[in-house]
Structures are given as structure tokens and as C-alpha cells.
Amino acid sequence: METYTAMRQFADSWALLAMTLFFLGVVAFIFRPGAKKAADEAAAIPFNHDVIEIQNSERHVGGKPLRTFPHAARKED
């Protein structure tokens, strides 16, 4: 039996079954009962930098913060 033929038969049978089971497992994992909270938290990650609480001890005398995030760095900081 040629290598190509053996690999082709494997892909047509067991590999297809394995991929189908993997797909169904991913779908079941996504739609499980407790997944909504985790998905909502993950969806909010890009917006978490908008709310930054800075204590008064973390400010310069002029009121500017001592530290800023790299994406929010400005020349005047």
C-alpha cells in the first residue's frame, strides 16, 4: 500500500471523526451554562483601561499622574 493511499484512508475515516469530535467539544464548551460570565469579562478587556483610579499619593505636585499606561503616554507626562 502506498503512503499516500494509507494517509488518504486515515484522513477519510479516523481523522474526520477526530475533527468532528473536537468541533463538537468546542461548541459544547462555548455554550456550557457558566460560559456567559467568562465571555462577558473577556469581551470587556479592551475597555478596562478607560477606568483608572489614581490615589493622591500617586500624583506629582502639579496633579499629573506619576505613571501612565504606554498607550496613554503623552509628551506632557
Protein backbone atom coordinates (compact mmCIF):
# COMPACT_ATOMS: atom_id res chain seq x y z
CA MET A 1 0.00 0.00 0.00
CA GLU A 2 1.33 3.40 -0.92
CA THR A 3 1.90 6.03 1.72
CA TYR A 4 -0.48 8.45 0.04
CA THR A 5 -3.27 5.87 -0.10
CA ALA A 6 -2.81 4.94 3.56
CA MET A 7 -2.84 8.58 4.66
CA ARG A 8 -5.87 9.28 2.48
CA GLN A 9 -7.84 6.41 4.02
CA PHE A 10 -6.87 7.55 7.52
CA ALA A 11 -7.95 11.12 6.77
CA ASP A 12 -11.25 9.93 5.33
CA SER A 13 -12.11 7.87 8.41
CA TRP A 14 -10.43 8.42 11.78
CA ALA A 15 -9.13 11.95 11.23
CA LEU A 16 -12.58 13.08 10.12
CA LEU A 17 -14.07 11.52 13.24
CA ALA A 18 -11.45 13.18 15.45
CA MET A 19 -12.03 16.62 13.91
CA THR A 20 -15.80 16.22 14.28
CA LEU A 21 -15.46 15.29 17.95
CA PHE A 22 -13.09 18.22 18.54
CA PHE A 23 -15.55 20.62 16.90
CA LEU A 24 -18.45 19.31 18.98
CA GLY A 25 -16.33 19.61 22.12
CA VAL A 26 -15.51 23.26 21.36
CA VAL A 27 -19.17 24.05 20.69
CA ALA A 28 -20.22 22.33 23.94
CA PHE A 29 -17.53 24.26 25.85
CA ILE A 30 -18.68 27.61 24.46
CA PHE A 31 -22.37 27.03 25.14
CA ARG A 32 -21.98 25.49 28.61
CA PRO A 33 -24.16 27.07 31.34
CA GLY A 34 -21.41 29.08 33.10
CA ALA A 35 -19.75 30.49 29.98
CA LYS A 36 -21.72 33.76 29.71
CA LYS A 37 -19.93 35.48 32.59
CA ALA A 38 -16.49 34.49 31.30
CA ALA A 39 -17.38 35.60 27.77
CA ASP A 40 -18.67 38.96 29.00
CA GLU A 41 -15.49 39.55 31.02
CA ALA A 42 -13.33 38.65 28.03
CA ALA A 43 -15.34 40.95 25.78
CA ALA A 44 -14.81 43.87 28.19
CA ILE A 45 -10.99 43.56 28.30
CA PRO A 46 -10.32 46.24 25.63
CA PHE A 47 -12.33 48.77 27.64
CA ASN A 48 -10.73 48.13 31.05
CA HIS A 49 -8.09 50.82 30.56
CA ASP A 50 -10.76 53.53 30.45
CA VAL A 51 -11.32 53.47 34.22
CA ILE A 52 -8.09 54.25 36.08
CA GLU A 53 -8.20 55.09 39.76
CA ILE A 54 -5.19 57.13 40.91
CA GLN A 55 -4.58 57.91 44.57
CA ASN A 56 -3.42 61.40 45.52
CA SER A 57 -0.09 59.93 46.67
CA GLU A 58 0.50 58.71 43.10
CA ARG A 59 0.44 62.21 41.63
CA HIS A 60 3.06 64.87 41.07
CA VAL A 61 2.72 68.19 42.85
CA GLY A 62 1.06 69.65 39.76
CA GLY A 63 -1.61 66.95 39.78
CA LYS A 64 -0.28 64.84 36.91
CA PRO A 65 -0.07 61.07 37.47
CA LEU A 66 3.32 59.53 38.26
CA ARG A 67 2.63 56.55 36.00
CA THR A 68 0.67 56.16 32.81
CA PHE A 69 -0.02 53.23 30.56
CA PRO A 70 2.20 53.06 27.45
CA HIS A 71 -0.75 53.55 25.09
CA ALA A 72 -1.82 56.63 27.04
CA ALA A 73 1.63 58.22 27.34
CA ARG A 74 1.76 61.82 26.27
CA LYS A 75 4.66 64.24 25.91
CA GLU A 76 3.50 66.36 28.85
CA ASP A 77 3.61 63.43 31.34
